[in-house]
Each structure stands twice: as C-alpha cells, then as structure tokens.
Amino acid sequence: MTATQPPPRPEGAVTPEPPEAPEEVPERRRVFADLTPLRTSADYRRLWFGGTVSWVGQGMTALAISLQVYDITGSTLSVGLVGLFSLVPLIVFGLYGGAIADTVDRRKLGLYSSLGSAVLSIALAVAAFAGYHRVWFLYGIVALQAVCGALNGPARSSMIPRLLPPEQLRAASALNSMTTTFGTLVGPSLGGLIVGFAGYQTAYLVDALAFTASLYAMWRLPSMLPERTGGKRASVLDGLRFLATRPNLRMTFLSDFCAMILAHPRALFPAVAVLWYGGDAKTTGLLVAAPAFGALLGAVLSGWQGRVRHHGQAILLAVACWGTAIAVFGLTRNLWLGLLMLTLAGYSDTVSMIFRNTMMQVAAPDEMRGRLQGVFIVVVAGGPRLGDFLAGSVADLTSPTVAVTGGGIACVLGIGALALRGRSFRRYDALDPTP
C-alpha cells in the first residue's frame, strides 16, 4: 500500500516518525491492543512508559499513606478522609487545570506538575525517615498531590493528539487505559510489600524515583503551546459553554454518569462479601480486583475496536453491557459467577472509556482539549463517589440486592433513554467526526 502525504500539521505539533517499512498487519492485531503509536512516535513512547511507571508509583504511595494514617490513628474514618482530601482539590483544580492547559505551554505544565508530585513524595520520605508522623501533614500532602494530578492530567492528555495522527488516537486511548489499570492493580500490591519489608519511607522514595521517567519524557518533548483562534484567555466557563453546544461530546459525559452514578456497587463489596458469599476480607479483595482485571483485559484485547466506525453506538452498547452485568451480579449468589459479571463490567467500562476519550481528542478543537480533559477528570473522580453514596443509601433503605440490581437496571434504562434522544450520537462516524 502506498502511503499518502499527510496534511500540514499545526505549529508546535510533532510529526510522528514513520515506520521504517510498510508491513502487513498481523492477524493477532485484530484481537490484541494496537501498538502502532508506540512504534511510530518516540515522544509518545517515552510519555507512555513514563506515565506507566508513575502510575505504579502513585498506587504505591496511595496505599502507603492509607496504611500510615491507620497506623497513626487506628481509625477507619481517618483513612476514609484521605479520599475526601484528594477528591475536593481534584474536582476544583481539574476544571481550572484544563483552562490552564489551554493557555500555557502544555509541556511546561506537565513537566512542573510532575516535578511537584516528585517533590511531595520526597517530602513524605523525609518525614518518615525523621519519625515525623502527623495525620494533618499526610492530609496536606494528599491534597497537594491531587492539585498536581489535576494540573498534569489535562496537559498530558491534550498533548497526545499533537504527537499522533488522528487514526492512531483510538489505539493510544487503549494504551493509556492499560497504563492506569496496570498502575491500579500493581501499585497497591507492590506498595504493600515494600511497606511490609522496608517501611513507609522506602515506598515513598521508590515513588519519587518513578517520577524520573515521566520527567524525562516531558523534558524531551518540544514546546506544546495550544492553538488559539482568538485573543481571549482560556476560561472554564468558555469550556462549559462549548460543551453545552456540542451534543456528541456532551453525550460522552452523560453516558459515563449513567454508568458510574446509577450502577456503581463498589461501596457495597464488604457487605456483599459477607451477606451473599459468607466470605471475609479476602472475598472483598476478589470483588474489588475483578472489575480492574476486566478493565485490563479491555485494554489488552482492544485490537478489534480499530474496525469500529460508529463510536457513539459502541459507547451506548458498552454502557448497556455494564448495567446488565451489574444487574446480574446483584442476582447471583455464586461467587465465581459474580466475579465473572464484575469482570465483564470492567471490560465494558474500558471499551466505553476508550471510545469516549477518542471522541474527545478527535472531535474537539485543540484550543478546547485541555478544558474538556479537565471536565473528564471531574466526571471520572466525582461520578464513582456519587455512585458509592447512592448505592450505600439505597442499600441502607432497602437491601444490597435492591441497590445493586436496581442500579444496573436503572443504568440500562437510562442509557436507553439517552440513545433515543441522541440521534446524532448514534450516527457519529469516526471517519467524519463532529462534536
């Protein structure tokens, strides 16, 4: 096949290095994740590897902080407050971080925010070595880490469309999902081992060292100034107004809210493990791990998604599968069938996420990508928390079965209603993207 001449790229964009020679697409590529972005772009390859290492390190630190807070206080409420101290800054600065990413050099924003995270991990290690064990200090570090993450996320995500051609963005979304899921699975497990054998200070030091891969990747990038079509300064309100006038992009957020708020049973796993399966903490661990394992499978086995043109339809079907799997999970009392349903739910969630993120990166103009990624962070961070609250409240008023199964059914009905109203979303074509 003869390669076509690519269109001119905007100033500051990085043209991916072409492969040395055209090659026939292997048959396995139809099943497994497409690695083309890693092969064709050295900048993206460094960014992906650095992000993967950093996610593992952050997972280690998150668990180490929770263990240290419990070690100091002996209170599960105090451990729960760790999540609150990270959630509020993540939501607030997620929106403003997106606006900043649409104003300044995204490379510098990503570099400085990663450096800030590394410095915070060093501060944790120094305090642990010095025997300074104060809960308020740990809460403060968690809040500052959330600020750095909220600034880093939009900057990093909005750079990817400048590093890769549009036809590779879906594959990049799958690879990025693999990064976050791998970090979520491996990081806490590795952190627990390191804390157990070498103490909190070692876990924090390893996390600080892990950030060097991300810092190196950011440092090697060229300038990433956002494209501006006017002289106005980027603002959060402008981003929200833009989203309000783009039905297809808006539907990507509404569909995710439908799944994460109406059918998110994570908060009920401890009770479910005991009441339904007669298990204990190990059973709860299996229930927590099953969706994460399914999410990892969704990223690894994402090769088939490259043949899907109608991304809106794929998102609607994936969210409906999530809701159905959660509803069936609520009805079964067989542990292995329950784990299978949760794995299927995690797989479906990753499929939905890959197509949603691809739509945002392809259909949104460059000057708005940072702010839309900021909204994405708020949805990802806030939706599951609201879902936990809703599931816990319904379970208290009725029963875990009603909360889980009813939530799954509500999700299916909700996504069905969105599908009926979103005609343009159903017809969205990746070959002719419209926001």
Protein backbone atom coordinates (compact mmCIF):
# COMPACT_ATOMS: atom_id res chain seq x y z
CA MET A 1 0.00 0.00 0.00
CA THR A 2 1.37 3.45 -0.94
CA ALA A 3 1.44 5.97 1.89
CA THR A 4 -0.45 9.24 1.25
CA GLN A 5 1.01 12.66 2.00
CA PRO A 6 -0.25 13.81 5.42
CA PRO A 7 -1.93 17.24 5.73
CA PRO A 8 0.09 20.12 7.19
CA ARG A 9 0.28 19.94 10.98
CA PRO A 10 -0.20 23.00 13.22
CA GLU A 11 2.77 24.87 14.62
CA GLY A 12 4.21 23.14 17.68
CA ALA A 13 2.84 19.76 16.65
CA VAL A 14 5.18 16.81 16.45
CA THR A 15 5.13 14.70 13.32
CA PRO A 16 5.36 11.02 14.25
CA GLU A 17 8.33 9.16 12.85
CA PRO A 18 7.09 6.83 10.10
CA PRO A 19 7.82 3.13 10.38
CA GLU A 20 10.93 2.02 8.58
CA ALA A 21 8.98 -0.03 6.07
CA PRO A 22 5.34 -0.83 5.48
CA GLU A 23 4.33 -4.12 6.90
CA GLU A 24 1.33 -6.39 6.70
CA VAL A 25 -0.95 -6.08 9.73
CA PRO A 26 -0.62 -9.34 11.68
CA GLU A 27 -3.73 -11.38 12.30
CA ARG A 28 -3.30 -11.05 16.08
CA ARG A 29 -3.70 -7.29 15.75
CA ARG A 30 -7.41 -7.94 15.33
CA VAL A 31 -7.56 -9.11 18.93
CA PHE A 32 -4.73 -7.55 20.92
CA ALA A 33 -4.03 -3.88 21.50
CA ASP A 34 -2.63 -1.93 18.56
CA LEU A 35 0.95 -0.94 19.41
CA THR A 36 1.42 1.31 16.40
CA PRO A 37 1.60 4.55 18.45
CA LEU A 38 4.48 3.09 20.48
CA ARG A 39 6.36 2.09 17.34
CA THR A 40 5.88 5.22 15.26
CA SER A 41 6.36 8.01 17.83
CA ALA A 42 9.37 8.09 20.14
CA ASP A 43 7.85 11.02 22.04
CA TYR A 44 4.62 9.16 22.72
CA ARG A 45 6.58 6.00 23.61
CA ARG A 46 8.55 7.88 26.27
CA LEU A 47 5.40 9.60 27.54
CA TRP A 48 3.54 6.29 27.79
CA PHE A 49 6.37 4.48 29.56
CA GLY A 50 6.89 7.37 31.96
CA GLY A 51 3.17 7.50 32.71
CA THR A 52 3.04 3.77 33.35
CA VAL A 53 5.93 3.87 35.82
CA SER A 54 4.47 6.94 37.53
CA TRP A 55 1.03 5.33 37.91
CA VAL A 56 2.60 2.34 39.64
CA GLY A 57 4.50 4.67 41.97
CA GLN A 58 1.37 6.68 42.75
CA GLY A 59 -0.53 3.49 43.52
CA MET A 60 2.22 2.52 45.96
CA THR A 61 2.12 5.90 47.70
CA ALA A 62 -1.69 5.94 47.91
CA LEU A 63 -1.69 2.63 49.76
CA ALA A 64 1.29 3.58 51.94
CA ILE A 65 -0.45 6.81 53.05
CA SER A 66 -3.64 4.91 53.93
CA LEU A 67 -1.65 2.36 55.93
CA GLN A 68 0.31 5.10 57.70
CA VAL A 69 -2.84 7.04 58.60
CA TYR A 70 -4.39 3.90 60.08
CA ASP A 71 -1.15 3.09 61.89
CA ILE A 72 -1.18 6.55 63.49
CA THR A 73 -4.89 6.82 64.33
CA GLY A 74 -6.32 3.28 64.32
CA SER A 75 -9.44 4.85 62.78
CA THR A 76 -11.09 3.76 59.52
CA LEU A 77 -12.83 7.16 59.41
CA SER A 78 -9.43 8.85 59.32
CA VAL A 79 -8.44 6.60 56.43
CA GLY A 80 -11.67 7.49 54.64
CA LEU A 81 -10.84 11.18 54.96
CA VAL A 82 -7.78 10.58 52.77
CA GLY A 83 -10.15 10.16 49.82
CA LEU A 84 -12.02 13.34 50.71
CA PHE A 85 -8.83 15.40 50.92
CA SER A 86 -7.88 14.20 47.44
CA LEU A 87 -11.34 14.44 45.84
CA VAL A 88 -12.08 18.11 46.54
CA PRO A 89 -8.83 19.51 45.05
CA LEU A 90 -9.10 17.08 42.14
CA ILE A 91 -12.56 18.36 41.21
CA VAL A 92 -11.80 22.05 41.74
CA PHE A 93 -8.39 22.10 40.09
CA GLY A 94 -9.46 19.61 37.41
CA LEU A 95 -11.59 22.32 35.80
CA TYR A 96 -9.01 25.08 36.26
CA GLY A 97 -6.18 22.78 35.25
CA GLY A 98 -7.90 22.26 31.92
CA ALA A 99 -8.19 26.03 31.39
CA ILE A 100 -4.51 26.47 32.26
CA ALA A 101 -3.58 23.71 29.79
CA ASP A 102 -5.39 25.69 27.06
CA THR A 103 -3.42 28.83 27.93
CA VAL A 104 0.21 27.94 28.63
CA ASP A 105 2.83 25.62 27.16
CA ARG A 106 1.43 22.17 27.95
CA ARG A 107 4.89 20.66 28.04
CA LYS A 108 5.97 23.03 30.81
CA LEU A 109 2.73 22.49 32.73
CA GLY A 110 3.18 18.72 32.56
CA LEU A 111 6.86 18.99 33.50
CA TYR A 112 6.34 21.26 36.50
CA SER A 113 3.32 19.36 37.84
CA SER A 114 5.23 16.07 37.60
CA LEU A 115 8.16 17.70 39.38
CA GLY A 116 5.78 18.88 42.09
CA SER A 117 4.49 15.34 42.61
CA ALA A 118 8.04 14.02 42.86
CA VAL A 119 8.94 16.68 45.45
CA LEU A 120 5.86 15.75 47.52
CA SER A 121 6.91 12.08 47.52
CA ILE A 122 10.38 13.13 48.69
CA ALA A 123 8.76 15.17 51.48
CA LEU A 124 6.82 12.09 52.59
CA ALA A 125 10.02 10.02 52.64
CA VAL A 126 11.97 12.67 54.59
CA ALA A 127 9.18 12.95 57.17
CA ALA A 128 9.05 9.15 57.55
CA PHE A 129 12.84 8.92 57.96
CA ALA A 130 12.70 11.68 60.57
CA GLY A 131 9.93 9.94 62.51
CA TYR A 132 7.51 12.82 61.88
CA HIS A 133 4.13 11.08 61.99
CA ARG A 134 1.32 13.64 61.83
CA VAL A 135 -2.02 12.96 60.21
CA TRP A 136 -2.57 16.58 59.22
CA PHE A 137 0.75 16.52 57.36
CA LEU A 138 -0.32 13.44 55.38
CA TYR A 139 -3.69 15.02 54.58
CA GLY A 140 -1.93 18.16 53.33
CA ILE A 141 0.39 16.14 51.10
CA VAL A 142 -2.57 14.19 49.68
CA ALA A 143 -4.37 17.45 48.84
CA LEU A 144 -1.28 18.88 47.12
CA GLN A 145 -0.78 15.63 45.20
CA ALA A 146 -4.34 15.95 43.93
CA VAL A 147 -3.62 19.50 42.77
CA CYS A 148 -0.54 18.34 40.85
CA GLY A 149 -2.51 15.47 39.33
CA ALA A 150 -5.35 17.78 38.30
CA LEU A 151 -2.86 20.04 36.51
CA ASN A 152 -0.90 17.20 34.95
CA GLY A 153 -3.82 15.18 33.57
CA PRO A 154 -5.27 17.74 31.12
CA ALA A 155 -1.79 18.80 29.99
CA ARG A 156 -0.67 15.23 29.28
CA SER A 157 -3.92 14.14 27.59
CA SER A 158 -4.20 17.23 25.37
CA MET A 159 -0.63 16.70 24.10
CA ILE A 160 -1.31 13.25 22.68
CA PRO A 161 -3.28 14.44 19.60
CA ARG A 162 -0.27 16.61 18.76
CA LEU A 163 2.06 13.60 18.89
CA LEU A 164 0.00 11.16 16.83
CA PRO A 165 -2.14 11.26 13.67
CA PRO A 166 -5.93 11.02 14.20
CA GLU A 167 -6.14 7.41 13.04
CA GLN A 168 -3.87 6.32 15.93
CA LEU A 169 -5.73 8.09 18.74
CA ARG A 170 -8.07 5.19 19.47
CA ALA A 171 -5.10 2.86 19.87
CA ALA A 172 -3.44 5.45 22.11
CA SER A 173 -6.58 5.65 24.28
CA ALA A 174 -6.44 1.88 24.73
CA LEU A 175 -2.75 2.01 25.66
CA ASN A 176 -3.38 4.84 28.13
CA SER A 177 -6.17 2.81 29.72
CA MET A 178 -3.72 -0.06 30.06
CA THR A 179 -1.37 2.29 31.91
CA THR A 180 -3.90 3.42 34.51
CA THR A 181 -5.33 -0.05 35.05
CA PHE A 182 -1.89 -1.64 35.38
CA GLY A 183 -0.89 1.01 37.91
CA THR A 184 -4.11 0.49 39.88
CA LEU A 185 -3.55 -3.26 40.04
CA VAL A 186 0.21 -3.45 40.56
CA GLY A 187 0.92 -0.26 42.51
CA PRO A 188 -1.01 -1.03 45.72
CA SER A 189 0.20 -4.64 45.79
CA LEU A 190 3.82 -3.59 45.35
CA GLY A 191 3.35 -0.80 47.88
CA GLY A 192 2.05 -3.22 50.49
CA LEU A 193 5.08 -5.48 50.01
CA ILE A 194 7.57 -2.61 50.20
CA VAL A 195 5.95 -1.11 53.32
CA GLY A 196 5.89 -4.53 54.95
CA PHE A 197 9.56 -5.27 54.27
CA ALA A 198 11.22 -1.85 54.21
CA GLY A 199 8.86 0.72 55.72
CA TYR A 200 6.90 3.73 54.50
CA GLN A 201 9.97 5.79 53.70
CA THR A 202 11.17 3.25 51.11
CA ALA A 203 7.80 3.19 49.34
CA TYR A 204 7.82 6.99 49.12
CA LEU A 205 11.39 7.05 47.82
CA VAL A 206 10.58 4.49 45.13
CA ASP A 207 7.63 6.64 44.07
CA ALA A 208 9.86 9.72 43.84
CA LEU A 209 12.32 7.79 41.67
CA ALA A 210 9.47 6.54 39.49
CA PHE A 211 8.65 10.13 38.54
CA THR A 212 12.02 10.49 36.83
CA ALA A 213 10.71 8.52 33.85
CA SER A 214 7.80 10.93 33.45
CA LEU A 215 10.03 13.97 33.95
CA TYR A 216 12.46 12.72 31.30
CA ALA A 217 9.61 12.12 28.83
CA MET A 218 8.22 15.63 29.37
CA TRP A 219 11.67 17.20 29.16
CA ARG A 220 12.32 15.60 25.74
CA LEU A 221 9.10 16.99 24.23
CA PRO A 222 9.08 20.15 22.10
CA SER A 223 7.03 23.20 23.05
CA MET A 224 3.30 22.43 23.15
CA LEU A 225 1.57 25.80 23.01
CA PRO A 226 -2.19 25.39 22.41
CA GLU A 227 -3.66 26.62 19.15
CA ARG A 228 -5.64 29.80 19.67
CA THR A 229 -8.26 31.09 17.23
CA GLY A 230 -8.77 34.37 19.10
CA GLY A 231 -7.12 36.65 21.58
CA LYS A 232 -9.31 35.71 24.57
CA ARG A 233 -7.79 34.00 27.55
CA ALA A 234 -8.99 30.43 28.07
CA SER A 235 -11.63 30.19 30.78
CA VAL A 236 -13.53 27.39 32.47
CA LEU A 237 -16.89 28.94 31.56
CA ASP A 238 -15.97 29.07 27.88
CA GLY A 239 -15.17 25.38 28.00
CA LEU A 240 -18.51 24.56 29.64
CA ARG A 241 -20.35 26.74 27.10
CA PHE A 242 -18.57 24.94 24.28
CA LEU A 243 -19.57 21.58 25.74
CA ALA A 244 -23.20 22.73 26.05
CA THR A 245 -23.32 23.40 22.30
CA ARG A 246 -21.70 20.10 21.25
CA PRO A 247 -24.24 17.29 21.74
CA ASN A 248 -21.96 14.41 20.80
CA LEU A 249 -19.21 15.40 23.23
CA ARG A 250 -21.80 16.11 25.91
CA MET A 251 -23.24 12.63 25.46
CA THR A 252 -19.87 11.05 26.25
CA PHE A 253 -20.06 12.55 29.75
CA LEU A 254 -23.77 11.80 30.26
CA SER A 255 -23.29 8.16 29.31
CA ASP A 256 -20.45 7.80 31.81
CA PHE A 257 -22.50 9.43 34.56
CA CYS A 258 -25.28 6.95 33.76
CA ALA A 259 -22.95 4.04 34.49
CA MET A 260 -20.92 5.44 37.37
CA ILE A 261 -23.75 7.04 39.37
CA LEU A 262 -26.62 4.62 38.82
CA ALA A 263 -24.72 1.31 38.81
CA HIS A 264 -21.55 1.54 40.88
CA PRO A 265 -21.65 -1.11 43.65
CA ARG A 266 -18.08 -0.76 44.93
CA ALA A 267 -19.13 0.64 48.32
CA LEU A 268 -21.25 -2.47 48.93
CA PHE A 269 -18.50 -5.02 48.31
CA PRO A 270 -17.60 -5.53 52.02
CA ALA A 271 -21.24 -6.19 52.92
CA VAL A 272 -21.85 -8.31 49.81
CA ALA A 273 -18.81 -10.48 50.56
CA VAL A 274 -20.29 -11.43 53.94
CA LEU A 275 -24.03 -11.47 53.27
CA TRP A 276 -24.08 -13.11 49.84
CA TYR A 277 -21.00 -15.29 49.83
CA GLY A 278 -20.24 -15.87 53.50
CA GLY A 279 -16.73 -14.59 52.90
CA ASP A 280 -14.30 -12.20 54.56
CA ALA A 281 -11.74 -9.58 53.61
CA LYS A 282 -10.19 -11.90 51.03
CA THR A 283 -13.55 -12.21 49.29
CA THR A 284 -13.86 -8.43 49.30
CA GLY A 285 -10.43 -8.23 47.69
CA LEU A 286 -11.58 -10.55 44.91
CA LEU A 287 -14.67 -8.43 44.30
CA VAL A 288 -12.54 -5.28 44.09
CA ALA A 289 -9.97 -6.90 41.79
CA ALA A 290 -12.47 -8.42 39.31
CA PRO A 291 -13.54 -5.13 37.61
CA ALA A 292 -9.91 -3.98 37.47
CA PHE A 293 -8.90 -7.25 35.84
CA GLY A 294 -11.73 -6.87 33.33
CA ALA A 295 -10.61 -3.30 32.61
CA LEU A 296 -7.09 -4.53 31.90
CA LEU A 297 -8.48 -7.18 29.54
CA GLY A 298 -10.49 -4.48 27.79
CA ALA A 299 -7.30 -2.58 27.05
CA VAL A 300 -5.16 -5.58 26.10
CA LEU A 301 -7.84 -7.10 23.85
CA SER A 302 -8.72 -3.85 22.10
CA GLY A 303 -7.46 -4.61 18.60
CA TRP A 304 -10.96 -5.24 17.23
CA GLN A 305 -12.03 -1.70 18.12
CA GLY A 306 -9.99 -0.28 15.25
CA ARG A 307 -12.63 -1.60 12.83
CA VAL A 308 -15.49 0.24 14.58
CA ARG A 309 -16.54 3.48 12.89
CA HIS A 310 -19.65 4.39 14.87
CA HIS A 311 -18.13 5.22 18.23
CA GLY A 312 -21.40 6.54 19.70
CA GLN A 313 -23.13 3.22 19.16
CA ALA A 314 -20.17 1.40 20.70
CA ILE A 315 -20.36 3.59 23.82
CA LEU A 316 -24.11 3.04 24.22
CA LEU A 317 -23.73 -0.74 23.87
CA ALA A 318 -20.77 -0.85 26.27
CA VAL A 319 -22.64 1.10 28.98
CA ALA A 320 -25.68 -1.13 28.50
CA CYS A 321 -23.43 -4.18 28.96
CA TRP A 322 -22.01 -2.62 32.14
CA GLY A 323 -25.50 -2.13 33.57
CA THR A 324 -26.63 -5.62 32.57
CA ALA A 325 -23.56 -7.24 34.13
CA ILE A 326 -24.08 -5.30 37.38
CA ALA A 327 -27.77 -6.28 37.48
CA VAL A 328 -26.93 -9.98 37.01
CA PHE A 329 -24.20 -9.69 39.65
CA GLY A 330 -26.85 -8.46 42.08
CA LEU A 331 -28.99 -11.55 41.46
CA THR A 332 -26.35 -14.28 41.66
CA ARG A 333 -25.17 -15.92 44.87
CA ASN A 334 -22.42 -17.92 43.21
CA LEU A 335 -19.08 -16.24 43.85
CA TRP A 336 -17.43 -17.28 40.59
CA LEU A 337 -20.40 -16.17 38.50
CA GLY A 338 -20.41 -12.91 40.42
CA LEU A 339 -16.70 -12.38 39.72
CA LEU A 340 -17.32 -13.16 36.04
CA MET A 341 -20.05 -10.50 35.88
CA LEU A 342 -17.81 -7.92 37.54
CA THR A 343 -15.00 -8.78 35.11
CA LEU A 344 -17.40 -8.30 32.20
CA ALA A 345 -18.47 -4.97 33.70
CA GLY A 346 -14.86 -3.81 33.95
CA TYR A 347 -14.22 -4.89 30.36
CA SER A 348 -17.27 -2.95 29.15
CA ASP A 349 -16.23 0.15 31.08
CA THR A 350 -12.83 0.19 29.38
CA VAL A 351 -14.42 -0.20 25.95
CA SER A 352 -16.67 2.77 26.70
CA MET A 353 -13.76 4.82 28.06
CA ILE A 354 -11.56 4.19 25.00
CA PHE A 355 -14.21 5.37 22.56
CA ARG A 356 -15.23 8.33 24.75
CA ASN A 357 -11.67 9.55 25.08
CA THR A 358 -11.05 9.07 21.36
CA MET A 359 -14.10 11.16 20.50
CA MET A 360 -12.93 13.96 22.77
CA GLN A 361 -9.45 14.01 21.28
CA VAL A 362 -10.56 13.80 17.64
CA ALA A 363 -13.77 15.87 17.56
CA ALA A 364 -12.69 18.69 19.91
CA PRO A 365 -10.52 21.56 18.63
CA ASP A 366 -7.03 21.81 20.09
CA GLU A 367 -7.78 25.05 21.94
CA MET A 368 -10.53 23.26 23.94
CA ARG A 369 -8.86 19.91 24.62
CA GLY A 370 -7.37 20.89 27.97
CA ARG A 371 -10.68 22.11 29.36
CA LEU A 372 -12.58 19.07 28.11
CA GLN A 373 -9.97 16.82 29.70
CA GLY A 374 -10.46 18.80 32.91
CA VAL A 375 -14.19 18.06 32.79
CA PHE A 376 -13.31 14.43 32.09
CA ILE A 377 -11.21 14.33 35.29
CA VAL A 378 -14.12 15.76 37.29
CA VAL A 379 -16.51 13.16 35.85
CA VAL A 380 -14.11 10.28 36.46
CA ALA A 381 -13.35 11.46 40.00
CA GLY A 382 -16.82 12.57 41.04
CA GLY A 383 -19.07 10.04 39.32
CA PRO A 384 -17.91 6.92 41.22
CA ARG A 385 -18.02 8.79 44.54
CA LEU A 386 -21.61 9.84 43.90
CA GLY A 387 -22.32 6.26 42.85
CA ASP A 388 -20.88 4.95 46.11
CA PHE A 389 -23.09 7.34 48.07
CA LEU A 390 -26.21 6.39 46.10
CA ALA A 391 -25.58 2.64 46.37
CA GLY A 392 -24.89 2.87 50.11
CA SER A 393 -28.01 4.97 50.73
CA VAL A 394 -30.31 2.68 48.75
CA ALA A 395 -28.82 -0.41 50.44
CA ASP A 396 -29.46 1.12 53.88
CA LEU A 397 -33.07 1.92 53.00
CA THR A 398 -33.77 -1.40 51.25
CA SER A 399 -31.12 -4.09 50.76
CA PRO A 400 -27.84 -4.62 48.87
CA THR A 401 -29.71 -6.73 46.31
CA VAL A 402 -32.12 -3.91 45.50
CA ALA A 403 -29.29 -1.38 45.36
CA VAL A 404 -27.09 -3.45 43.01
CA THR A 405 -29.71 -5.00 40.73
CA GLY A 406 -31.90 -1.92 40.72
CA GLY A 407 -28.89 0.23 39.89
CA GLY A 408 -27.95 -1.99 36.97
CA ILE A 409 -31.49 -1.90 35.58
CA ALA A 410 -31.64 1.88 36.05
CA CYS A 411 -28.37 2.19 34.11
CA VAL A 412 -29.75 0.18 31.18
CA LEU A 413 -32.96 2.22 31.15
CA GLY A 414 -31.02 5.46 31.43
CA ILE A 415 -28.65 4.68 28.57
CA GLY A 416 -31.64 3.57 26.52
CA ALA A 417 -33.27 6.96 27.07
CA LEU A 418 -30.05 8.71 26.07
CA ALA A 419 -29.86 6.57 22.94
CA LEU A 420 -33.40 7.56 21.92
CA ARG A 421 -32.61 11.25 22.34
CA GLY A 422 -29.10 11.19 20.89
CA ARG A 423 -29.73 10.56 17.21
CA SER A 424 -26.55 12.33 16.09
CA PHE A 425 -24.58 10.43 18.75
CA ARG A 426 -25.79 7.12 17.35
CA ARG A 427 -24.74 8.23 13.89
CA TYR A 428 -21.34 9.57 14.90
CA ASP A 429 -18.79 8.39 12.34
CA ALA A 430 -15.10 8.29 13.20
CA LEU A 431 -14.31 9.00 9.53
CA ASP A 432 -16.33 12.24 9.69
CA PRO A 433 -16.13 13.34 13.36
CA THR A 434 -18.44 16.09 14.55
CA PRO A 435 -18.55 17.38 18.14
